[in-house]
Amino acid sequence: MSGSNREELNELATKVIGAIYEVSNVLGVGFLEVVYERALVKELGLRGINARRQAPVKVKYKDEVVGKYRADVLVEGKLIIEVKCADGFANEHMAQCINYLRATDLNLCLIVNFQ
């Protein structure tokens, strides 16, 4: 990743984290993940940031699709947000993000816990 691309991604991540805090502050804890996903996509849109819920992620093996996932939120086609409502992070959450990054060739996945 070039320096300018890294700067752009860092700037986008900073804006996304601001939106995450806003959703957390407004909604608090206790809702289902889908509620936070919807609120986050709405907040990102209000900030002029393009985001899609449940974005398809294809896993390829030798140019053939061998698996499909859905990323909770895909932002500007540049970063993935994995939304959780759990008591804490588990190794599976980290593995999920790593797999998304490997499947998409993206460089950043944020795991967000709204609990």
C-alpha atoms as a PDB file:
ATOM      1  CA  MET A   1       0.000   0.000   0.000  1.00  0.00           C
ATOM      2  CA  SER A   2       1.417   3.360  -0.990  1.00  0.00           C
ATOM      3  CA  GLY A   3       1.831   6.194   1.471  1.00  0.00           C
ATOM      4  CA  SER A   4      -0.999   8.259   0.004  1.00  0.00           C
ATOM      5  CA  ASN A   5      -3.348   5.259   0.048  1.00  0.00           C
ATOM      6  CA  ARG A   6      -2.430   4.622   3.677  1.00  0.00           C
ATOM      7  CA  GLU A   7      -3.162   8.257   4.545  1.00  0.00           C
ATOM      8  CA  GLU A   8      -6.547   8.084   2.803  1.00  0.00           C
ATOM      9  CA  LEU A   9      -7.419   4.869   4.624  1.00  0.00           C
ATOM     10  CA  ASN A  10      -6.353   6.337   7.979  1.00  0.00           C
ATOM     11  CA  GLU A  11      -8.469   9.436   7.336  1.00  0.00           C
ATOM     12  CA  LEU A  12     -11.475   7.288   6.393  1.00  0.00           C
ATOM     13  CA  ALA A  13     -10.974   5.098   9.470  1.00  0.00           C
ATOM     14  CA  THR A  14     -10.904   8.191  11.691  1.00  0.00           C
ATOM     15  CA  LYS A  15     -14.225   9.370  10.240  1.00  0.00           C
ATOM     16  CA  VAL A  16     -15.737   5.903  10.607  1.00  0.00           C
ATOM     17  CA  ILE A  17     -14.643   5.668  14.242  1.00  0.00           C
ATOM     18  CA  GLY A  18     -16.308   9.029  14.888  1.00  0.00           C
ATOM     19  CA  ALA A  19     -19.543   7.657  13.426  1.00  0.00           C
ATOM     20  CA  ILE A  20     -19.214   4.510  15.555  1.00  0.00           C
ATOM     21  CA  TYR A  21     -18.918   6.616  18.712  1.00  0.00           C
ATOM     22  CA  GLU A  22     -21.959   8.651  17.702  1.00  0.00           C
ATOM     23  CA  VAL A  23     -24.081   5.519  17.221  1.00  0.00           C
ATOM     24  CA  SER A  24     -22.857   4.117  20.526  1.00  0.00           C
ATOM     25  CA  ASN A  25     -23.572   7.371  22.386  1.00  0.00           C
ATOM     26  CA  VAL A  26     -27.059   7.740  20.909  1.00  0.00           C
ATOM     27  CA  LEU A  27     -28.259   4.121  21.153  1.00  0.00           C
ATOM     28  CA  GLY A  28     -26.334   2.861  24.151  1.00  0.00           C
ATOM     29  CA  VAL A  29     -26.207  -0.888  24.785  1.00  0.00           C
ATOM     30  CA  GLY A  30     -28.747  -3.670  24.535  1.00  0.00           C
ATOM     31  CA  PHE A  31     -29.870  -3.775  20.898  1.00  0.00           C
ATOM     32  CA  LEU A  32     -29.292  -6.514  18.346  1.00  0.00           C
ATOM     33  CA  GLU A  33     -26.366  -6.257  15.942  1.00  0.00           C
ATOM     34  CA  VAL A  34     -28.683  -5.496  13.018  1.00  0.00           C
ATOM     35  CA  VAL A  35     -29.909  -2.333  14.769  1.00  0.00           C
ATOM     36  CA  TYR A  36     -26.352  -1.060  15.185  1.00  0.00           C
ATOM     37  CA  GLU A  37     -25.519  -1.969  11.564  1.00  0.00           C
ATOM     38  CA  ARG A  38     -28.486   0.014  10.285  1.00  0.00           C
ATOM     39  CA  ALA A  39     -27.757   2.970  12.552  1.00  0.00           C
ATOM     40  CA  LEU A  40     -24.091   2.970  11.561  1.00  0.00           C
ATOM     41  CA  VAL A  41     -24.846   2.919   7.835  1.00  0.00           C
ATOM     42  CA  LYS A  42     -27.324   5.766   8.396  1.00  0.00           C
ATOM     43  CA  GLU A  43     -24.754   7.792  10.382  1.00  0.00           C
ATOM     44  CA  LEU A  44     -22.048   7.216   7.791  1.00  0.00           C
ATOM     45  CA  GLY A  45     -24.453   8.368   5.076  1.00  0.00           C
ATOM     46  CA  LEU A  46     -25.222  11.525   7.051  1.00  0.00           C
ATOM     47  CA  ARG A  47     -21.473  12.181   7.058  1.00  0.00           C
ATOM     48  CA  GLY A  48     -21.229  11.722   3.284  1.00  0.00           C
ATOM     49  CA  ILE A  49     -19.585   8.305   3.512  1.00  0.00           C
ATOM     50  CA  ASN A  50     -20.851   5.493   1.300  1.00  0.00           C
ATOM     51  CA  ALA A  51     -21.512   2.290   3.248  1.00  0.00           C
ATOM     52  CA  ARG A  52     -23.379  -0.947   2.507  1.00  0.00           C
ATOM     53  CA  ARG A  53     -24.802  -3.458   4.944  1.00  0.00           C
ATOM     54  CA  GLN A  54     -24.330  -7.182   4.426  1.00  0.00           C
ATOM     55  CA  ALA A  55     -21.944  -6.706   1.515  1.00  0.00           C
ATOM     56  CA  PRO A  56     -21.128  -9.946  -0.319  1.00  0.00           C
ATOM     57  CA  VAL A  57     -17.594 -11.297   0.033  1.00  0.00           C
ATOM     58  CA  LYS A  58     -16.558 -14.095  -2.309  1.00  0.00           C
ATOM     59  CA  VAL A  59     -13.759 -16.526  -1.520  1.00  0.00           C
ATOM     60  CA  LYS A  60     -11.939 -17.750  -4.591  1.00  0.00           C
ATOM     61  CA  TYR A  61      -9.673 -20.702  -5.090  1.00  0.00           C
ATOM     62  CA  LYS A  62      -7.774 -20.738  -8.385  1.00  0.00           C
ATOM     63  CA  ASP A  63     -10.228 -18.252  -9.903  1.00  0.00           C
ATOM     64  CA  GLU A  64     -13.293 -20.249  -8.828  1.00  0.00           C
ATOM     65  CA  VAL A  65     -15.719 -19.089  -6.117  1.00  0.00           C
ATOM     66  CA  VAL A  66     -15.668 -21.675  -3.343  1.00  0.00           C
ATOM     67  CA  GLY A  67     -17.372 -19.712  -0.590  1.00  0.00           C
ATOM     68  CA  LYS A  68     -19.489 -16.662   0.136  1.00  0.00           C
ATOM     69  CA  TYR A  69     -19.748 -14.501   3.214  1.00  0.00           C
ATOM     70  CA  ARG A  70     -21.501 -11.266   4.077  1.00  0.00           C
ATOM     71  CA  ALA A  71     -19.501  -8.491   5.681  1.00  0.00           C
ATOM     72  CA  ASP A  72     -21.591  -6.515   8.166  1.00  0.00           C
ATOM     73  CA  VAL A  73     -20.634  -3.127   6.692  1.00  0.00           C
ATOM     74  CA  LEU A  74     -18.429  -2.275   3.715  1.00  0.00           C
ATOM     75  CA  VAL A  75     -17.305   1.364   3.720  1.00  0.00           C
ATOM     76  CA  GLU A  76     -16.366   3.106   0.477  1.00  0.00           C
ATOM     77  CA  GLY A  77     -15.219  -0.271  -0.851  1.00  0.00           C
ATOM     78  CA  LYS A  78     -12.090   0.259   1.267  1.00  0.00           C
ATOM     79  CA  LEU A  79     -12.706  -1.070   4.749  1.00  0.00           C
ATOM     80  CA  ILE A  80     -14.929  -3.595   6.485  1.00  0.00           C
ATOM     81  CA  ILE A  81     -16.693  -3.176   9.808  1.00  0.00           C
ATOM     82  CA  GLU A  82     -17.619  -6.294  11.743  1.00  0.00           C
ATOM     83  CA  VAL A  83     -20.356  -5.414  14.251  1.00  0.00           C
ATOM     84  CA  LYS A  84     -20.608  -7.361  17.491  1.00  0.00           C
ATOM     85  CA  CYS A  85     -22.789  -7.238  20.590  1.00  0.00           C
ATOM     86  CA  ALA A  86     -20.898  -9.533  22.926  1.00  0.00           C
ATOM     87  CA  ASP A  87     -19.399  -9.598  26.382  1.00  0.00           C
ATOM     88  CA  GLY A  88     -15.965  -9.469  24.767  1.00  0.00           C
ATOM     89  CA  PHE A  89     -13.967 -10.299  21.689  1.00  0.00           C
ATOM     90  CA  ALA A  90     -13.198 -13.907  20.847  1.00  0.00           C
ATOM     91  CA  ASN A  91     -10.502 -15.388  18.636  1.00  0.00           C
ATOM     92  CA  GLU A  92     -13.258 -16.228  16.139  1.00  0.00           C
ATOM     93  CA  HIS A  93     -14.014 -12.520  15.693  1.00  0.00           C
ATOM     94  CA  MET A  94     -10.402 -11.792  14.790  1.00  0.00           C
ATOM     95  CA  ALA A  95     -10.279 -14.809  12.461  1.00  0.00           C
ATOM     96  CA  GLN A  96     -13.432 -13.602  10.729  1.00  0.00           C
ATOM     97  CA  CYS A  97     -11.868 -10.210  10.014  1.00  0.00           C
ATOM     98  CA  ILE A  98      -8.622 -11.743   8.816  1.00  0.00           C
ATOM     99  CA  ASN A  99     -10.546 -13.995   6.439  1.00  0.00           C
ATOM    100  CA  TYR A 100     -12.512 -11.033   5.071  1.00  0.00           C
ATOM    101  CA  LEU A 101      -9.275  -9.174   4.406  1.00  0.00           C
ATOM    102  CA  ARG A 102      -7.703 -12.155   2.679  1.00  0.00           C
ATOM    103  CA  ALA A 103     -10.804 -12.721   0.529  1.00  0.00           C
ATOM    104  CA  THR A 104     -11.134  -9.076  -0.530  1.00  0.00           C
ATOM    105  CA  ASP A 105      -7.523  -7.873  -0.691  1.00  0.00           C
ATOM    106  CA  LEU A 106      -8.561  -4.960   1.529  1.00  0.00           C
ATOM    107  CA  ASN A 107      -6.222  -3.710   4.247  1.00  0.00           C
ATOM    108  CA  LEU A 108      -8.471  -2.799   7.166  1.00  0.00           C
ATOM    109  CA  CYS A 109     -11.262  -4.461   9.095  1.00  0.00           C
ATOM    110  CA  LEU A 110     -12.617  -2.871  12.270  1.00  0.00           C
ATOM    111  CA  ILE A 111     -14.260  -5.080  14.886  1.00  0.00           C
ATOM    112  CA  VAL A 112     -16.767  -2.982  16.813  1.00  0.00           C
ATOM    113  CA  ASN A 113     -18.438  -4.187  19.987  1.00  0.00           C
ATOM    114  CA  PHE A 114     -21.512  -2.155  20.948  1.00  0.00           C
ATOM    115  CA  GLN A 115     -21.920  -3.887  24.311  1.00  0.00           C
END
